[in-house]
C-alpha atoms as a PDB file:
ATOM      1  CA  UNK A   1       0.000   0.000   0.000  1.00  0.00           C
ATOM      2  CA  UNK A   2       1.251   3.471  -0.908  1.00  0.00           C
ATOM      3  CA  UNK A   3       1.700   5.605   2.213  1.00  0.00           C
ATOM      4  CA  UNK A   4      -1.029   8.230   2.439  1.00  0.00           C
ATOM      5  CA  UNK A   5       0.355  11.671   3.247  1.00  0.00           C
ATOM      6  CA  UNK A   6      -1.870  13.376   5.816  1.00  0.00           C
ATOM      7  CA  UNK A   7      -2.347  17.015   6.693  1.00  0.00           C
ATOM      8  CA  UNK A   8      -3.988  17.838  10.019  1.00  0.00           C
ATOM      9  CA  UNK A   9      -6.405  20.756   9.723  1.00  0.00           C
ATOM     10  CA  UNK A  10      -6.492  21.957  13.344  1.00  0.00           C
ATOM     11  CA  UNK A  11      -4.150  20.995  16.153  1.00  0.00           C
ATOM     12  CA  UNK A  12      -6.413  20.141  19.071  1.00  0.00           C
ATOM     13  CA  UNK A  13      -6.971  17.085  21.225  1.00  0.00           C
ATOM     14  CA  UNK A  14      -8.639  14.949  18.544  1.00  0.00           C
ATOM     15  CA  UNK A  15      -5.893  15.749  16.038  1.00  0.00           C
ATOM     16  CA  UNK A  16      -3.425  14.585  18.684  1.00  0.00           C
ATOM     17  CA  UNK A  17      -5.336  11.314  19.085  1.00  0.00           C
ATOM     18  CA  UNK A  18      -5.354  10.759  15.328  1.00  0.00           C
ATOM     19  CA  UNK A  19      -1.637  11.561  14.988  1.00  0.00           C
ATOM     20  CA  UNK A  20      -0.914   9.068  17.759  1.00  0.00           C
ATOM     21  CA  UNK A  21      -2.981   6.478  15.932  1.00  0.00           C
ATOM     22  CA  UNK A  22      -1.043   7.004  12.711  1.00  0.00           C
ATOM     23  CA  UNK A  23       2.143   6.145  14.594  1.00  0.00           C
ATOM     24  CA  UNK A  24       0.696   2.647  15.086  1.00  0.00           C
ATOM     25  CA  UNK A  25       0.211   1.943  11.384  1.00  0.00           C
ATOM     26  CA  UNK A  26       2.129   1.925   8.105  1.00  0.00           C
ATOM     27  CA  UNK A  27      -0.760   3.125   5.952  1.00  0.00           C
ATOM     28  CA  UNK A  28      -0.102   6.828   6.417  1.00  0.00           C
ATOM     29  CA  UNK A  29       2.073   9.555   7.860  1.00  0.00           C
ATOM     30  CA  UNK A  30       1.472  13.148   8.895  1.00  0.00           C
ATOM     31  CA  UNK A  31       3.445  15.500   6.659  1.00  0.00           C
ATOM     32  CA  UNK A  32       1.867  18.807   7.695  1.00  0.00           C
ATOM     33  CA  UNK A  33      -0.245  20.397  10.414  1.00  0.00           C
ATOM     34  CA  UNK A  34      -2.082  23.719  10.480  1.00  0.00           C
ATOM     35  CA  UNK A  35      -3.519  25.870  13.235  1.00  0.00           C
ATOM     36  CA  UNK A  36      -4.891  29.382  13.293  1.00  0.00           C
ATOM     37  CA  UNK A  37      -1.994  30.256  15.564  1.00  0.00           C
ATOM     38  CA  UNK A  38       1.406  29.506  14.050  1.00  0.00           C
ATOM     39  CA  UNK A  39       2.987  28.790  17.417  1.00  0.00           C
ATOM     40  CA  UNK A  40       0.374  26.113  18.123  1.00  0.00           C
ATOM     41  CA  UNK A  41       1.107  24.467  14.787  1.00  0.00           C
ATOM     42  CA  UNK A  42       4.854  24.553  15.433  1.00  0.00           C
ATOM     43  CA  UNK A  43       4.508  23.033  18.901  1.00  0.00           C
ATOM     44  CA  UNK A  44       2.313  20.259  17.540  1.00  0.00           C
ATOM     45  CA  UNK A  45       4.752  19.610  14.686  1.00  0.00           C
ATOM     46  CA  UNK A  46       7.678  19.376  17.093  1.00  0.00           C
ATOM     47  CA  UNK A  47       5.799  16.960  19.345  1.00  0.00           C
ATOM     48  CA  UNK A  48       5.062  14.537  16.483  1.00  0.00           C
ATOM     49  CA  UNK A  49       8.106  15.238  14.286  1.00  0.00           C
ATOM     50  CA  UNK A  50       5.937  16.612  11.464  1.00  0.00           C
ATOM     51  CA  UNK A  51       7.933  18.249   8.631  1.00  0.00           C
ATOM     52  CA  UNK A  52       5.718  21.292   7.997  1.00  0.00           C
ATOM     53  CA  UNK A  53       3.692  23.558  10.266  1.00  0.00           C
ATOM     54  CA  UNK A  54       1.311  26.072   8.695  1.00  0.00           C
ATOM     55  CA  UNK A  55      -0.269  29.163  10.169  1.00  0.00           C
ATOM     56  CA  UNK A  56      -3.782  29.184   8.769  1.00  0.00           C
ATOM     57  CA  UNK A  57      -5.780  26.409   7.128  1.00  0.00           C
ATOM     58  CA  UNK A  58      -5.577  27.675   3.550  1.00  0.00           C
ATOM     59  CA  UNK A  59      -1.837  27.032   3.512  1.00  0.00           C
ATOM     60  CA  UNK A  60      -2.403  23.405   4.465  1.00  0.00           C
ATOM     61  CA  UNK A  61      -5.010  22.893   1.753  1.00  0.00           C
ATOM     62  CA  UNK A  62      -2.632  24.401  -0.796  1.00  0.00           C
ATOM     63  CA  UNK A  63       0.301  22.233   0.361  1.00  0.00           C
ATOM     64  CA  UNK A  64       1.159  19.939  -2.610  1.00  0.00           C
ATOM     65  CA  UNK A  65       2.699  17.323  -0.317  1.00  0.00           C
ATOM     66  CA  UNK A  66      -0.668  16.600   1.341  1.00  0.00           C
ATOM     67  CA  UNK A  67      -2.876  13.843  -0.097  1.00  0.00           C
ATOM     68  CA  UNK A  68      -5.567  13.734   2.598  1.00  0.00           C
ATOM     69  CA  UNK A  69      -6.940  16.122   5.202  1.00  0.00           C
ATOM     70  CA  UNK A  70      -7.950  15.141   8.716  1.00  0.00           C
ATOM     71  CA  UNK A  71     -10.470  17.860   9.558  1.00  0.00           C
ATOM     72  CA  UNK A  72     -10.999  18.386  13.297  1.00  0.00           C
ATOM     73  CA  UNK A  73     -12.077  21.995  13.762  1.00  0.00           C
ATOM     74  CA  UNK A  74     -15.283  22.613  15.756  1.00  0.00           C
ATOM     75  CA  UNK A  75     -18.100  21.242  13.644  1.00  0.00           C
ATOM     76  CA  UNK A  76     -19.594  24.626  12.784  1.00  0.00           C
ATOM     77  CA  UNK A  77     -16.474  25.176  10.622  1.00  0.00           C
ATOM     78  CA  UNK A  78     -16.522  21.755   8.926  1.00  0.00           C
ATOM     79  CA  UNK A  79     -18.561  22.759   5.881  1.00  0.00           C
ATOM     80  CA  UNK A  80     -16.310  25.679   4.933  1.00  0.00           C
ATOM     81  CA  UNK A  81     -13.048  23.764   5.153  1.00  0.00           C
ATOM     82  CA  UNK A  82     -14.318  20.456   3.813  1.00  0.00           C
ATOM     83  CA  UNK A  83     -15.605  22.159   0.668  1.00  0.00           C
ATOM     84  CA  UNK A  84     -12.320  24.039   0.205  1.00  0.00           C
ATOM     85  CA  UNK A  85     -10.321  20.844   0.681  1.00  0.00           C
ATOM     86  CA  UNK A  86     -12.533  18.901  -1.740  1.00  0.00           C
ATOM     87  CA  UNK A  87     -12.195  21.625  -4.354  1.00  0.00           C
ATOM     88  CA  UNK A  88      -8.422  21.361  -3.945  1.00  0.00           C
ATOM     89  CA  UNK A  89      -8.603  17.639  -4.676  1.00  0.00           C
ATOM     90  CA  UNK A  90      -7.730  16.485  -1.160  1.00  0.00           C
ATOM     91  CA  UNK A  91      -9.272  13.376   0.343  1.00  0.00           C
ATOM     92  CA  UNK A  92     -11.066  14.152   3.618  1.00  0.00           C
ATOM     93  CA  UNK A  93     -11.623  12.348   6.891  1.00  0.00           C
ATOM     94  CA  UNK A  94     -13.962  14.762   8.668  1.00  0.00           C
ATOM     95  CA  UNK A  95     -14.643  14.573  12.389  1.00  0.00           C
ATOM     96  CA  UNK A  96     -18.219  14.020  13.484  1.00  0.00           C
ATOM     97  CA  UNK A  97     -20.708  15.454  13.104  1.00  0.00           C
ATOM     98  CA  UNK A  98     -20.052  16.237   9.450  1.00  0.00           C
ATOM     99  CA  UNK A  99     -21.671  19.676   9.843  1.00  0.00           C
ATOM    100  CA  UNK A 100     -24.265  21.413  11.996  1.00  0.00           C
ATOM    101  CA  UNK A 101     -27.275  20.628   9.804  1.00  0.00           C
ATOM    102  CA  UNK A 102     -28.408  18.658   6.771  1.00  0.00           C
ATOM    103  CA  UNK A 103     -28.237  21.580   4.336  1.00  0.00           C
ATOM    104  CA  UNK A 104     -24.530  22.066   5.058  1.00  0.00           C
ATOM    105  CA  UNK A 105     -23.930  18.317   4.977  1.00  0.00           C
ATOM    106  CA  UNK A 106     -25.510  18.137   1.517  1.00  0.00           C
ATOM    107  CA  UNK A 107     -23.120  20.856   0.342  1.00  0.00           C
ATOM    108  CA  UNK A 108     -20.101  18.935   1.619  1.00  0.00           C
ATOM    109  CA  UNK A 109     -21.172  15.642   0.050  1.00  0.00           C
ATOM    110  CA  UNK A 110     -21.889  17.394  -3.245  1.00  0.00           C
ATOM    111  CA  UNK A 111     -18.377  18.879  -3.185  1.00  0.00           C
ATOM    112  CA  UNK A 112     -16.878  15.454  -2.495  1.00  0.00           C
ATOM    113  CA  UNK A 113     -18.939  13.892  -5.278  1.00  0.00           C
ATOM    114  CA  UNK A 114     -18.116  16.640  -7.770  1.00  0.00           C
ATOM    115  CA  UNK A 115     -14.388  16.413  -7.129  1.00  0.00           C
ATOM    116  CA  UNK A 116     -14.349  12.598  -6.859  1.00  0.00           C
ATOM    117  CA  UNK A 117     -12.352  12.549  -3.671  1.00  0.00           C
ATOM    118  CA  UNK A 118     -12.605  10.016  -0.853  1.00  0.00           C
ATOM    119  CA  UNK A 119     -14.683  11.416   1.981  1.00  0.00           C
ATOM    120  CA  UNK A 120     -15.713   9.862   5.296  1.00  0.00           C
ATOM    121  CA  UNK A 121     -17.362  11.217   8.406  1.00  0.00           C
ATOM    122  CA  UNK A 122     -15.025  10.051  11.151  1.00  0.00           C
ATOM    123  CA  UNK A 123     -17.201   7.820  13.297  1.00  0.00           C
ATOM    124  CA  UNK A 124     -14.177   5.778  14.318  1.00  0.00           C
ATOM    125  CA  UNK A 125     -16.288   3.286  16.303  1.00  0.00           C
ATOM    126  CA  UNK A 126     -17.730   2.070  12.995  1.00  0.00           C
ATOM    127  CA  UNK A 127     -14.285   0.718  12.009  1.00  0.00           C
ATOM    128  CA  UNK A 128     -13.835  -1.351  15.183  1.00  0.00           C
ATOM    129  CA  UNK A 129     -14.116  -5.136  14.584  1.00  0.00           C
ATOM    130  CA  UNK A 130     -16.627  -5.418  17.420  1.00  0.00           C
ATOM    131  CA  UNK A 131     -19.196  -3.904  15.056  1.00  0.00           C
ATOM    132  CA  UNK A 132     -18.625  -6.866  12.734  1.00  0.00           C
ATOM    133  CA  UNK A 133     -19.079  -9.267  15.644  1.00  0.00           C
ATOM    134  CA  UNK A 134     -22.286  -7.499  16.623  1.00  0.00           C
ATOM    135  CA  UNK A 135     -23.594  -7.741  13.063  1.00  0.00           C
ATOM    136  CA  UNK A 136     -22.815 -11.486  12.948  1.00  0.00           C
ATOM    137  CA  UNK A 137     -24.654 -12.077  16.230  1.00  0.00           C
ATOM    138  CA  UNK A 138     -27.725 -10.128  15.149  1.00  0.00           C
ATOM    139  CA  UNK A 139     -28.001 -11.461  11.591  1.00  0.00           C
ATOM    140  CA  UNK A 140     -27.516 -15.057  12.766  1.00  0.00           C
ATOM    141  CA  UNK A 141     -30.559 -14.743  15.027  1.00  0.00           C
ATOM    142  CA  UNK A 142     -28.559 -15.172  18.227  1.00  0.00           C
ATOM    143  CA  UNK A 143     -31.032 -13.005  20.193  1.00  0.00           C
ATOM    144  CA  UNK A 144     -34.032 -13.517  17.942  1.00  0.00           C
ATOM    145  CA  UNK A 145     -35.939 -10.581  16.497  1.00  0.00           C
ATOM    146  CA  UNK A 146     -34.381  -7.244  17.458  1.00  0.00           C
ATOM    147  CA  UNK A 147     -37.038  -5.186  19.223  1.00  0.00           C
ATOM    148  CA  UNK A 148     -35.385  -2.442  21.267  1.00  0.00           C
ATOM    149  CA  UNK A 149     -32.063  -0.588  21.460  1.00  0.00           C
ATOM    150  CA  UNK A 150     -30.747   1.528  24.318  1.00  0.00           C
ATOM    151  CA  UNK A 151     -27.657   3.660  23.710  1.00  0.00           C
ATOM    152  CA  UNK A 152     -26.004   6.398  25.770  1.00  0.00           C
ATOM    153  CA  UNK A 153     -23.082   8.767  25.280  1.00  0.00           C
ATOM    154  CA  UNK A 154     -22.506  11.681  27.638  1.00  0.00           C
ATOM    155  CA  UNK A 155     -20.109  13.294  30.059  1.00  0.00           C
ATOM    156  CA  UNK A 156     -19.985  16.159  32.518  1.00  0.00           C
ATOM    157  CA  UNK A 157     -17.871  19.041  31.250  1.00  0.00           C
ATOM    158  CA  UNK A 158     -18.345  20.841  34.564  1.00  0.00           C
ATOM    159  CA  UNK A 159     -19.331  24.439  35.207  1.00  0.00           C
ATOM    160  CA  UNK A 160     -16.871  26.020  32.769  1.00  0.00           C
ATOM    161  CA  UNK A 161     -18.979  27.232  29.850  1.00  0.00           C
ATOM    162  CA  UNK A 162     -15.954  28.466  27.918  1.00  0.00           C
ATOM    163  CA  UNK A 163     -15.388  24.953  26.622  1.00  0.00           C
ATOM    164  CA  UNK A 164     -16.019  24.127  22.976  1.00  0.00           C
ATOM    165  CA  UNK A 165     -18.683  21.567  23.872  1.00  0.00           C
ATOM    166  CA  UNK A 166     -20.679  24.110  25.869  1.00  0.00           C
ATOM    167  CA  UNK A 167     -20.222  27.107  23.549  1.00  0.00           C
ATOM    168  CA  UNK A 168     -23.315  27.964  21.520  1.00  0.00           C
ATOM    169  CA  UNK A 169     -21.203  29.948  19.046  1.00  0.00           C
ATOM    170  CA  UNK A 170     -19.415  26.679  18.227  1.00  0.00           C
ATOM    171  CA  UNK A 171     -22.652  24.646  17.994  1.00  0.00           C
ATOM    172  CA  UNK A 172     -22.014  23.132  21.406  1.00  0.00           C
ATOM    173  CA  UNK A 173     -24.303  20.860  23.356  1.00  0.00           C
ATOM    174  CA  UNK A 174     -24.895  17.163  23.734  1.00  0.00           C
ATOM    175  CA  UNK A 175     -26.985  16.346  20.665  1.00  0.00           C
ATOM    176  CA  UNK A 176     -24.424  17.316  18.052  1.00  0.00           C
ATOM    177  CA  UNK A 177     -21.202  16.716  19.956  1.00  0.00           C
ATOM    178  CA  UNK A 178     -21.890  13.211  21.299  1.00  0.00           C
ATOM    179  CA  UNK A 179     -25.571  12.449  20.674  1.00  0.00           C
ATOM    180  CA  UNK A 180     -24.591  11.810  17.067  1.00  0.00           C
ATOM    181  CA  UNK A 181     -22.976   8.549  18.236  1.00  0.00           C
ATOM    182  CA  UNK A 182     -26.016   6.771  19.704  1.00  0.00           C
ATOM    183  CA  UNK A 183     -28.161   8.082  16.851  1.00  0.00           C
ATOM    184  CA  UNK A 184     -25.798   6.564  14.294  1.00  0.00           C
ATOM    185  CA  UNK A 185     -25.526   3.350  16.328  1.00  0.00           C
ATOM    186  CA  UNK A 186     -29.272   2.764  16.476  1.00  0.00           C
ATOM    187  CA  UNK A 187     -29.597   3.397  12.750  1.00  0.00           C
ATOM    188  CA  UNK A 188     -26.752   0.914  12.165  1.00  0.00           C
ATOM    189  CA  UNK A 189     -28.308  -1.790  14.368  1.00  0.00           C
ATOM    190  CA  UNK A 190     -31.714  -1.267  12.765  1.00  0.00           C
ATOM    191  CA  UNK A 191     -29.956  -2.008   9.497  1.00  0.00           C
ATOM    192  CA  UNK A 192     -28.307  -5.118  10.915  1.00  0.00           C
ATOM    193  CA  UNK A 193     -31.705  -6.368  12.065  1.00  0.00           C
ATOM    194  CA  UNK A 194     -33.088  -6.091   8.535  1.00  0.00           C
ATOM    195  CA  UNK A 195     -29.922  -7.100   6.611  1.00  0.00           C
ATOM    196  CA  UNK A 196     -29.284  -3.565   5.387  1.00  0.00           C
ATOM    197  CA  UNK A 197     -26.317  -1.208   5.859  1.00  0.00           C
ATOM    198  CA  UNK A 198     -28.474   1.144   7.974  1.00  0.00           C
ATOM    199  CA  UNK A 199     -32.085   2.245   8.432  1.00  0.00           C
ATOM    200  CA  UNK A 200     -33.369   5.743   9.146  1.00  0.00           C
ATOM    201  CA  UNK A 201     -35.966   6.227  11.890  1.00  0.00           C
ATOM    202  CA  UNK A 202     -39.546   6.954  10.900  1.00  0.00           C
ATOM    203  CA  UNK A 203     -40.027   9.057  14.048  1.00  0.00           C
ATOM    204  CA  UNK A 204     -37.778  10.985  16.425  1.00  0.00           C
ATOM    205  CA  UNK A 205     -39.354  12.384  19.599  1.00  0.00           C
ATOM    206  CA  UNK A 206     -37.030  14.245  21.950  1.00  0.00           C
ATOM    207  CA  UNK A 207     -36.765  16.198  25.172  1.00  0.00           C
ATOM    208  CA  UNK A 208     -33.839  18.218  26.481  1.00  0.00           C
ATOM    209  CA  UNK A 209     -32.618  20.565  29.168  1.00  0.00           C
ATOM    210  CA  UNK A 210     -31.673  23.767  27.355  1.00  0.00           C
ATOM    211  CA  UNK A 211     -29.528  26.105  29.433  1.00  0.00           C
ATOM    212  CA  UNK A 212     -31.423  29.436  29.364  1.00  0.00           C
ATOM    213  CA  UNK A 213     -28.269  31.535  29.623  1.00  0.00           C
ATOM    214  CA  UNK A 214     -25.947  29.664  27.262  1.00  0.00           C
ATOM    215  CA  UNK A 215     -28.441  28.223  24.793  1.00  0.00           C
ATOM    216  CA  UNK A 216     -27.068  24.693  24.534  1.00  0.00           C
ATOM    217  CA  UNK A 217     -28.623  21.337  25.365  1.00  0.00           C
ATOM    218  CA  UNK A 218     -27.012  20.189  28.604  1.00  0.00           C
ATOM    219  CA  UNK A 219     -28.660  16.778  28.438  1.00  0.00           C
ATOM    220  CA  UNK A 220     -31.182  15.254  26.068  1.00  0.00           C
ATOM    221  CA  UNK A 221     -32.989  12.054  25.192  1.00  0.00           C
ATOM    222  CA  UNK A 222     -34.892  10.832  22.171  1.00  0.00           C
ATOM    223  CA  UNK A 223     -37.242   7.972  21.391  1.00  0.00           C
ATOM    224  CA  UNK A 224     -36.815   6.521  17.918  1.00  0.00           C
ATOM    225  CA  UNK A 225     -39.243   4.397  15.920  1.00  0.00           C
ATOM    226  CA  UNK A 226     -38.292   2.279  12.907  1.00  0.00           C
ATOM    227  CA  UNK A 227     -40.378   0.382  10.393  1.00  0.00           C
ATOM    228  CA  UNK A 228     -41.437  -3.019  11.636  1.00  0.00           C
ATOM    229  CA  UNK A 229     -41.876  -1.942  15.257  1.00  0.00           C
ATOM    230  CA  UNK A 230     -38.241  -1.659  16.312  1.00  0.00           C
ATOM    231  CA  UNK A 231     -37.847   1.110  18.913  1.00  0.00           C
ATOM    232  CA  UNK A 232     -34.834   2.792  20.489  1.00  0.00           C
ATOM    233  CA  UNK A 233     -34.008   5.161  23.316  1.00  0.00           C
ATOM    234  CA  UNK A 234     -30.906   7.339  23.110  1.00  0.00           C
ATOM    235  CA  UNK A 235     -29.410   9.696  25.688  1.00  0.00           C
ATOM    236  CA  UNK A 236     -26.657  12.285  25.553  1.00  0.00           C
ATOM    237  CA  UNK A 237     -25.171  14.989  27.778  1.00  0.00           C
ATOM    238  CA  UNK A 238     -22.360  17.464  28.276  1.00  0.00           C
ATOM    239  CA  UNK A 239     -23.375  18.201  31.865  1.00  0.00           C
ATOM    240  CA  UNK A 240     -24.188  14.676  33.126  1.00  0.00           C
ATOM    241  CA  UNK A 241     -21.906  11.649  33.342  1.00  0.00           C
ATOM    242  CA  UNK A 242     -23.718   8.793  31.628  1.00  0.00           C
ATOM    243  CA  UNK A 243     -22.977   5.109  31.553  1.00  0.00           C
ATOM    244  CA  UNK A 244     -21.593   5.033  28.032  1.00  0.00           C
ATOM    245  CA  UNK A 245     -22.827   1.665  26.869  1.00  0.00           C
ATOM    246  CA  UNK A 246     -25.324   0.245  24.403  1.00  0.00           C
ATOM    247  CA  UNK A 247     -27.663  -2.745  24.627  1.00  0.00           C
ATOM    248  CA  UNK A 248     -29.582  -4.487  21.866  1.00  0.00           C
ATOM    249  CA  UNK A 249     -32.661  -6.387  23.062  1.00  0.00           C
ATOM    250  CA  UNK A 250     -34.194  -9.220  21.063  1.00  0.00           C
ATOM    251  CA  UNK A 251     -37.055 -11.660  21.446  1.00  0.00           C
ATOM    252  CA  UNK A 252     -34.697 -14.355  22.820  1.00  0.00           C
ATOM    253  CA  UNK A 253     -31.959 -12.375  24.574  1.00  0.00           C
ATOM    254  CA  UNK A 254     -29.823  -9.262  24.523  1.00  0.00           C
ATOM    255  CA  UNK A 255     -26.313  -8.058  23.720  1.00  0.00           C
ATOM    256  CA  UNK A 256     -24.480  -5.486  25.819  1.00  0.00           C
ATOM    257  CA  UNK A 257     -21.702  -3.510  24.115  1.00  0.00           C
ATOM    258  CA  UNK A 258     -19.527  -2.398  27.009  1.00  0.00           C
ATOM    259  CA  UNK A 259     -17.480   0.194  25.123  1.00  0.00           C
ATOM    260  CA  UNK A 260     -19.349   1.029  21.916  1.00  0.00           C
ATOM    261  CA  UNK A 261     -17.757   4.384  21.121  1.00  0.00           C
ATOM    262  CA  UNK A 262     -14.079   3.811  21.785  1.00  0.00           C
ATOM    263  CA  UNK A 263     -13.695   0.053  21.812  1.00  0.00           C
ATOM    264  CA  UNK A 264     -10.572  -0.654  23.788  1.00  0.00           C
ATOM    265  CA  UNK A 265      -9.451   2.913  23.170  1.00  0.00           C
ATOM    266  CA  UNK A 266      -6.372   4.354  21.569  1.00  0.00           C
ATOM    267  CA  UNK A 267      -4.063   1.379  22.073  1.00  0.00           C
ATOM    268  CA  UNK A 268      -4.142  -2.301  21.134  1.00  0.00           C
ATOM    269  CA  UNK A 269      -6.089  -4.609  23.410  1.00  0.00           C
ATOM    270  CA  UNK A 270      -9.421  -6.363  23.879  1.00  0.00           C
ATOM    271  CA  UNK A 271     -13.005  -5.259  24.210  1.00  0.00           C
ATOM    272  CA  UNK A 272     -16.049  -7.418  24.768  1.00  0.00           C
ATOM    273  CA  UNK A 273     -19.709  -7.973  24.092  1.00  0.00           C
ATOM    274  CA  UNK A 274     -21.900  -9.794  26.618  1.00  0.00           C
ATOM    275  CA  UNK A 275     -24.676 -12.033  25.297  1.00  0.00           C
ATOM    276  CA  UNK A 276     -27.568 -12.750  27.677  1.00  0.00           C
ATOM    277  CA  UNK A 277     -30.193 -15.482  27.324  1.00  0.00           C
ATOM    278  CA  UNK A 278     -32.835 -15.972  30.021  1.00  0.00           C
ATOM    279  CA  UNK A 279     -31.857 -18.727  32.440  1.00  0.00           C
ATOM    280  CA  UNK A 280     -28.401 -19.239  30.912  1.00  0.00           C
ATOM    281  CA  UNK A 281     -24.899 -18.066  31.895  1.00  0.00           C
ATOM    282  CA  UNK A 282     -23.737 -14.840  30.282  1.00  0.00           C
ATOM    283  CA  UNK A 283     -21.509 -15.454  27.279  1.00  0.00           C
ATOM    284  CA  UNK A 284     -18.600 -13.063  26.804  1.00  0.00           C
ATOM    285  CA  UNK A 285     -17.380 -12.357  23.283  1.00  0.00           C
ATOM    286  CA  UNK A 286     -13.814 -10.988  23.386  1.00  0.00           C
ATOM    287  CA  UNK A 287     -12.731  -8.916  20.382  1.00  0.00           C
ATOM    288  CA  UNK A 288      -9.000  -8.199  20.023  1.00  0.00           C
ATOM    289  CA  UNK A 289      -7.631  -5.090  18.353  1.00  0.00           C
ATOM    290  CA  UNK A 290      -3.998  -5.116  17.272  1.00  0.00           C
ATOM    291  CA  UNK A 291      -3.752  -1.320  17.250  1.00  0.00           C
ATOM    292  CA  UNK A 292      -5.746   1.632  18.538  1.00  0.00           C
ATOM    293  CA  UNK A 293      -9.080   2.602  17.061  1.00  0.00           C
ATOM    294  CA  UNK A 294      -7.736   5.731  15.309  1.00  0.00           C
ATOM    295  CA  UNK A 295      -5.118   3.568  13.595  1.00  0.00           C
ATOM    296  CA  UNK A 296      -7.885   1.194  12.538  1.00  0.00           C
ATOM    297  CA  UNK A 297      -9.846   4.114  11.122  1.00  0.00           C
ATOM    298  CA  UNK A 298      -6.805   5.510   9.280  1.00  0.00           C
ATOM    299  CA  UNK A 299      -6.065   2.115   7.719  1.00  0.00           C
ATOM    300  CA  UNK A 300      -9.624   1.673   6.486  1.00  0.00           C
ATOM    301  CA  UNK A 301      -9.661   5.150   4.979  1.00  0.00           C
ATOM    302  CA  UNK A 302      -6.278   4.625   3.300  1.00  0.00           C
ATOM    303  CA  UNK A 303      -7.464   1.355   1.737  1.00  0.00           C
ATOM    304  CA  UNK A 304     -10.452   3.156   0.211  1.00  0.00           C
ATOM    305  CA  UNK A 305      -8.151   5.820  -1.244  1.00  0.00           C
ATOM    306  CA  UNK A 306      -5.806   3.143  -2.584  1.00  0.00           C
ATOM    307  CA  UNK A 307      -8.700   1.388  -4.335  1.00  0.00           C
ATOM    308  CA  UNK A 308      -9.966   4.638  -5.833  1.00  0.00           C
ATOM    309  CA  UNK A 309     -13.218   4.519  -3.850  1.00  0.00           C
ATOM    310  CA  UNK A 310     -14.935   7.777  -3.006  1.00  0.00           C
ATOM    311  CA  UNK A 311     -16.854   6.268  -0.071  1.00  0.00           C
ATOM    312  CA  UNK A 312     -15.810   4.130   2.887  1.00  0.00           C
ATOM    313  CA  UNK A 313     -18.202   1.302   3.684  1.00  0.00           C
ATOM    314  CA  UNK A 314     -18.041   1.918   7.447  1.00  0.00           C
ATOM    315  CA  UNK A 315     -19.805   5.269   6.984  1.00  0.00           C
ATOM    316  CA  UNK A 316     -21.182   5.934   3.514  1.00  0.00           C
ATOM    317  CA  UNK A 317     -22.441   9.295   2.314  1.00  0.00           C
ATOM    318  CA  UNK A 318     -26.096   8.272   2.484  1.00  0.00           C
ATOM    319  CA  UNK A 319     -25.529   7.011   6.010  1.00  0.00           C
ATOM    320  CA  UNK A 320     -23.987  10.351   6.971  1.00  0.00           C
ATOM    321  CA  UNK A 321     -26.866  12.324   5.454  1.00  0.00           C
ATOM    322  CA  UNK A 322     -29.442  10.115   7.155  1.00  0.00           C
ATOM    323  CA  UNK A 323     -27.785  10.637  10.508  1.00  0.00           C
ATOM    324  CA  UNK A 324     -27.670  14.393  10.026  1.00  0.00           C
ATOM    325  CA  UNK A 325     -31.337  14.471   9.076  1.00  0.00           C
ATOM    326  CA  UNK A 326     -32.243  12.584  12.256  1.00  0.00           C
ATOM    327  CA  UNK A 327     -30.140  14.964  14.363  1.00  0.00           C
ATOM    328  CA  UNK A 328     -31.911  17.915  12.733  1.00  0.00           C
ATOM    329  CA  UNK A 329     -35.244  16.390  13.751  1.00  0.00           C
ATOM    330  CA  UNK A 330     -34.040  15.819  17.307  1.00  0.00           C
ATOM    331  CA  UNK A 331     -32.977  19.454  17.607  1.00  0.00           C
ATOM    332  CA  UNK A 332     -36.265  20.681  16.177  1.00  0.00           C
ATOM    333  CA  UNK A 333     -38.094  18.534  18.708  1.00  0.00           C
ATOM    334  CA  UNK A 334     -36.316  20.211  21.620  1.00  0.00           C
ATOM    335  CA  UNK A 335     -36.266  23.714  20.127  1.00  0.00           C
ATOM    336  CA  UNK A 336     -32.489  24.009  19.732  1.00  0.00           C
ATOM    337  CA  UNK A 337     -31.152  26.262  16.991  1.00  0.00           C
ATOM    338  CA  UNK A 338     -27.960  28.265  16.642  1.00  0.00           C
ATOM    339  CA  UNK A 339     -27.784  31.950  15.841  1.00  0.00           C
ATOM    340  CA  UNK A 340     -25.706  31.393  12.683  1.00  0.00           C
ATOM    341  CA  UNK A 341     -28.180  28.954  11.093  1.00  0.00           C
END
């Protein structure tokens, strides 16, 4: 495989996690990093021995040594920079959520399609092999007919509302920042249950605690309905620590995914699924990972680029647009909009 030359557009914590992941694989290397502040870019470059540090994102997009962009700005800036990168012919791995709303997401996908570049919304959990194990268990009928899904992703950022995740100007709040995970998971499992890549909900009914001073959803839940009677409950938060797990309930048993969003995390190791059947001992399914989840994601993306594919099967464009549409509905349900929309 030809080594994919990466440019990091933004130099924050997630870019650091991705750069660390690339050190665990031979599929790619970081050749450039950009930040709005040149000193931040230089410090990041020194830490990871990156050849070029750019002040400003345009310089990175124009860098001829860069094949692919890892885009990790706050998500309200994703549309602008993803479209610029696509127009420059760069492949793009864009952090979730792809954008703030479906209209912007459509614009990004259209730019990717028009320029025939590889684009993926970076739901790294989708690339973890435990998702393949889960699919095998569900499609084989291990727990019978799938009837209900419960999925949670949330944390407590504390009282400091200067953080990105609690800043309305940056489209902060639980639904977009981390609620996108359980939404995408339930749509994925609904697809597994019907032998499809994913299924969009027919109904999304939500409630949320909107902070009256800061205008972000501090915690929120939604009830999802799918064709055939499958239902789901999802929860998210940036001001409540949740038990970040997911459970799929069937007519003959259930499957608990202990670490759905990070798998084992950023290093090699094992994660597990627990399969429950009434009156029987719990069966543990151990899933090994020979490198961290960001390395796994980078490898999958690089293989798609190598094969000349514009989409990555773990998170296709239609899947991304369906997830964004469902998130839009959830926000409408709870009355959450941002001033710049």
